[in-house]
Protein backbone atom coordinates (compact mmCIF):
# COMPACT_ATOMS: atom_id res chain seq x y z
CA UNK A 1 -1.75 -30.13 147.43
CA UNK A 2 -2.55 -31.29 144.01
CA UNK A 3 -6.18 -33.18 143.45
CA UNK A 4 -5.77 -36.22 141.67
CA UNK A 5 -8.28 -37.17 138.90
CA UNK A 6 -10.13 -40.53 139.92
CA UNK A 7 -8.30 -41.91 136.70
CA UNK A 8 -5.27 -40.76 137.52
CA UNK A 9 -5.59 -42.32 140.99
CA UNK A 10 -5.93 -45.41 140.13
CA UNK A 11 -2.55 -45.37 137.31
CA UNK A 12 -0.84 -44.55 140.21
CA UNK A 13 -2.19 -47.50 142.37
CA UNK A 14 -1.01 -49.81 139.68
CA UNK A 15 2.76 -48.45 139.56
CA UNK A 16 3.72 -49.11 142.83
CA UNK A 17 7.20 -51.15 141.37
CA UNK A 18 7.63 -54.40 142.08
CA UNK A 19 11.01 -53.90 143.17
CA UNK A 20 10.88 -50.97 145.82
CA UNK A 21 14.09 -49.86 145.11
CA UNK A 22 13.09 -48.25 141.96
CA UNK A 23 11.27 -45.92 144.44
CA UNK A 24 14.01 -45.76 147.77
CA UNK A 25 17.00 -46.74 148.54
CA UNK A 26 18.08 -50.28 150.71
CA UNK A 27 18.09 -48.01 153.67
CA UNK A 28 14.72 -46.59 153.37
CA UNK A 29 13.49 -50.46 152.49
CA UNK A 30 15.38 -52.01 155.31
CA UNK A 31 13.51 -49.17 157.42
CA UNK A 32 10.23 -49.81 156.06
CA UNK A 33 11.19 -53.62 156.64
CA UNK A 34 12.21 -53.47 159.88
CA UNK A 35 8.91 -51.15 160.96
CA UNK A 36 6.66 -53.77 159.32
CA UNK A 37 7.88 -56.06 161.61
CA UNK A 38 7.70 -54.27 164.68
CA UNK A 39 3.95 -53.63 163.82
CA UNK A 40 3.35 -57.31 164.57
CA UNK A 41 2.19 -58.14 167.91
CA UNK A 42 3.34 -61.36 168.46
CA UNK A 43 2.81 -64.90 167.12
CA UNK A 44 5.82 -65.30 164.47
CA UNK A 45 6.71 -69.02 164.42
CA UNK A 46 10.14 -69.58 165.31
CA UNK A 47 12.65 -70.46 162.41
CA UNK A 48 12.36 -74.90 162.09
CA UNK A 49 15.33 -76.90 163.46
CA UNK A 50 17.61 -73.37 163.20
CA UNK A 51 19.15 -71.77 166.13
CA UNK A 52 17.95 -67.92 164.25
CA UNK A 53 16.25 -65.24 165.44
CA UNK A 54 12.53 -64.81 164.03
CA UNK A 55 12.59 -61.34 163.66
CA UNK A 56 15.69 -61.20 161.41
CA UNK A 57 14.33 -63.88 159.07
CA UNK A 58 10.65 -61.90 159.12
CA UNK A 59 12.83 -59.08 158.12
CA UNK A 60 15.18 -60.81 155.87
CA UNK A 61 12.73 -61.94 153.71
CA UNK A 62 10.27 -58.96 153.90
CA UNK A 63 13.43 -56.98 152.53
CA UNK A 64 14.39 -59.93 149.91
CA UNK A 65 10.75 -59.86 148.58
CA UNK A 66 10.24 -56.17 148.44
CA UNK A 67 12.98 -55.79 146.36
CA UNK A 68 12.72 -58.84 144.07
CA UNK A 69 14.68 -61.10 145.43
CA UNK A 70 12.57 -64.60 145.22
CA UNK A 71 14.58 -67.93 145.10
CA UNK A 72 15.79 -69.04 148.68
CA UNK A 73 19.50 -69.73 146.83
CA UNK A 74 19.19 -66.01 145.73
CA UNK A 75 18.48 -64.86 149.33
CA UNK A 76 21.33 -66.50 151.31
CA UNK A 77 23.23 -65.03 147.77
CA UNK A 78 21.81 -62.08 149.32
CA UNK A 79 23.07 -62.19 152.27
CA UNK A 80 26.57 -62.66 151.41
CA UNK A 81 26.99 -60.20 148.42
CA UNK A 82 24.33 -57.59 149.06
CA UNK A 83 25.01 -55.13 151.78
CA UNK A 84 21.83 -54.37 153.32
CA UNK A 85 20.84 -58.21 153.36
CA UNK A 86 24.03 -58.36 155.45
CA UNK A 87 22.86 -55.71 157.33
CA UNK A 88 19.98 -57.80 158.54
CA UNK A 89 21.65 -60.34 159.05
CA UNK A 90 24.50 -59.15 161.83
CA UNK A 91 26.90 -61.68 160.16
CA UNK A 92 24.23 -65.03 161.14
CA UNK A 93 22.86 -65.78 157.71
CA UNK A 94 20.27 -68.34 157.13
CA UNK A 95 21.15 -71.49 155.30
CA UNK A 96 18.70 -72.03 152.15
CA UNK A 97 16.67 -74.86 154.09
CA UNK A 98 16.16 -72.33 156.96
CA UNK A 99 15.16 -69.83 154.81
CA UNK A 100 12.40 -72.78 152.88
CA UNK A 101 11.55 -74.14 156.32
CA UNK A 102 10.40 -70.19 157.46
CA UNK A 103 8.55 -69.10 154.22
CA UNK A 104 6.67 -71.59 155.02
CA UNK A 105 6.04 -71.76 158.65
CA UNK A 106 5.36 -67.92 158.66
CA UNK A 107 3.85 -66.96 155.30
CA UNK A 108 1.03 -65.25 156.61
CA UNK A 109 3.18 -63.02 158.64
CA UNK A 110 5.31 -62.68 155.45
CA UNK A 111 2.94 -61.10 153.66
CA UNK A 112 1.36 -58.98 156.80
CA UNK A 113 5.02 -57.21 156.88
CA UNK A 114 4.81 -56.97 152.86
CA UNK A 115 1.36 -55.76 152.78
CA UNK A 116 2.47 -53.24 155.18
CA UNK A 117 5.89 -52.34 153.31
CA UNK A 118 4.25 -51.36 150.30
CA UNK A 119 1.45 -49.06 152.09
CA UNK A 120 3.81 -47.24 153.83
CA UNK A 121 5.60 -47.23 150.79
CA UNK A 122 2.37 -45.82 149.19
CA UNK A 123 1.80 -43.22 151.50
CA UNK A 124 5.90 -41.66 151.79
CA UNK A 125 5.60 -41.64 147.68
CA UNK A 126 2.38 -39.95 148.01
CA UNK A 127 3.65 -37.54 150.34
CA UNK A 128 6.77 -36.57 148.46
CA UNK A 129 4.48 -36.11 144.98
CA UNK A 130 1.64 -33.90 147.39
CA UNK A 131 -1.21 -35.89 146.03
CA UNK A 132 -4.66 -35.92 147.78
CA UNK A 133 -6.93 -38.34 147.23
CA UNK A 134 -9.25 -37.25 149.79
CA UNK A 135 -12.60 -37.97 149.06
CA UNK A 136 -11.48 -40.98 147.28
CA UNK A 137 -12.46 -43.74 149.37
CA UNK A 138 -12.78 -46.63 146.67
CA UNK A 139 -8.99 -45.51 146.11
CA UNK A 140 -7.74 -46.88 149.02
CA UNK A 141 -9.93 -49.88 149.49
CA UNK A 142 -8.68 -50.73 145.49
CA UNK A 143 -5.22 -50.07 146.61
CA UNK A 144 -5.02 -51.97 149.65
CA UNK A 145 -6.96 -55.10 147.61
CA UNK A 146 -3.94 -54.24 145.21
CA UNK A 147 -0.97 -54.77 147.59
CA UNK A 148 -2.69 -57.97 149.24
CA UNK A 149 -2.42 -59.48 146.08
CA UNK A 150 0.87 -58.14 145.10
CA UNK A 151 1.82 -59.45 148.75
CA UNK A 152 0.71 -62.77 147.58
CA UNK A 153 1.91 -63.20 144.33
CA UNK A 154 5.40 -62.43 146.23
CA UNK A 155 4.90 -65.20 147.78
CA UNK A 156 3.91 -67.88 144.80
CA UNK A 157 6.73 -66.81 143.26
CA UNK A 158 9.32 -67.71 146.21
CA UNK A 159 7.50 -70.95 146.52
CA UNK A 160 7.79 -71.44 142.48
CA UNK A 161 11.31 -70.44 142.39
CA UNK A 162 11.98 -72.92 145.28
CA UNK A 163 10.32 -75.65 143.54
CA UNK A 164 11.90 -75.04 140.09
CA UNK A 165 15.28 -75.33 142.17
CA UNK A 166 14.84 -78.35 143.16
CA UNK A 167 14.16 -80.24 139.91
CA UNK A 168 17.22 -78.78 138.06
């Protein structure tokens, strides 16, 4: 394994892409989303006013946010035109109101899934690059803080996109 300098590791931590498709194919990202949802013990809230699977909704929103699709209208569009989003929905896509309502009800669960997905994406990328960051405990702490902040920003962007869409 290669040993990275602390400056190089910090630079790499800032390189976790906003759209995970820069690193992985859709199949891998869907797997990351499914694994993240599976890692949650319980407590996924139901989809308010809808007969939709909470796990499906959590997987869909986690996948979409991880690939840079934020607005409810764009997510609904993706369930019709993006093969991975269609696969996640299994022919039972949500409408825009369901996406908005679930995002509000499950914000902390979505954030937890996004954090898990980005951590796993980083671990996969790190393994592929054969970088050894052993002895750099600060790095893992900084990376996790960066990832948590990024998950929060993604959720804020999603809420903002919906507010803008409602005002137009």
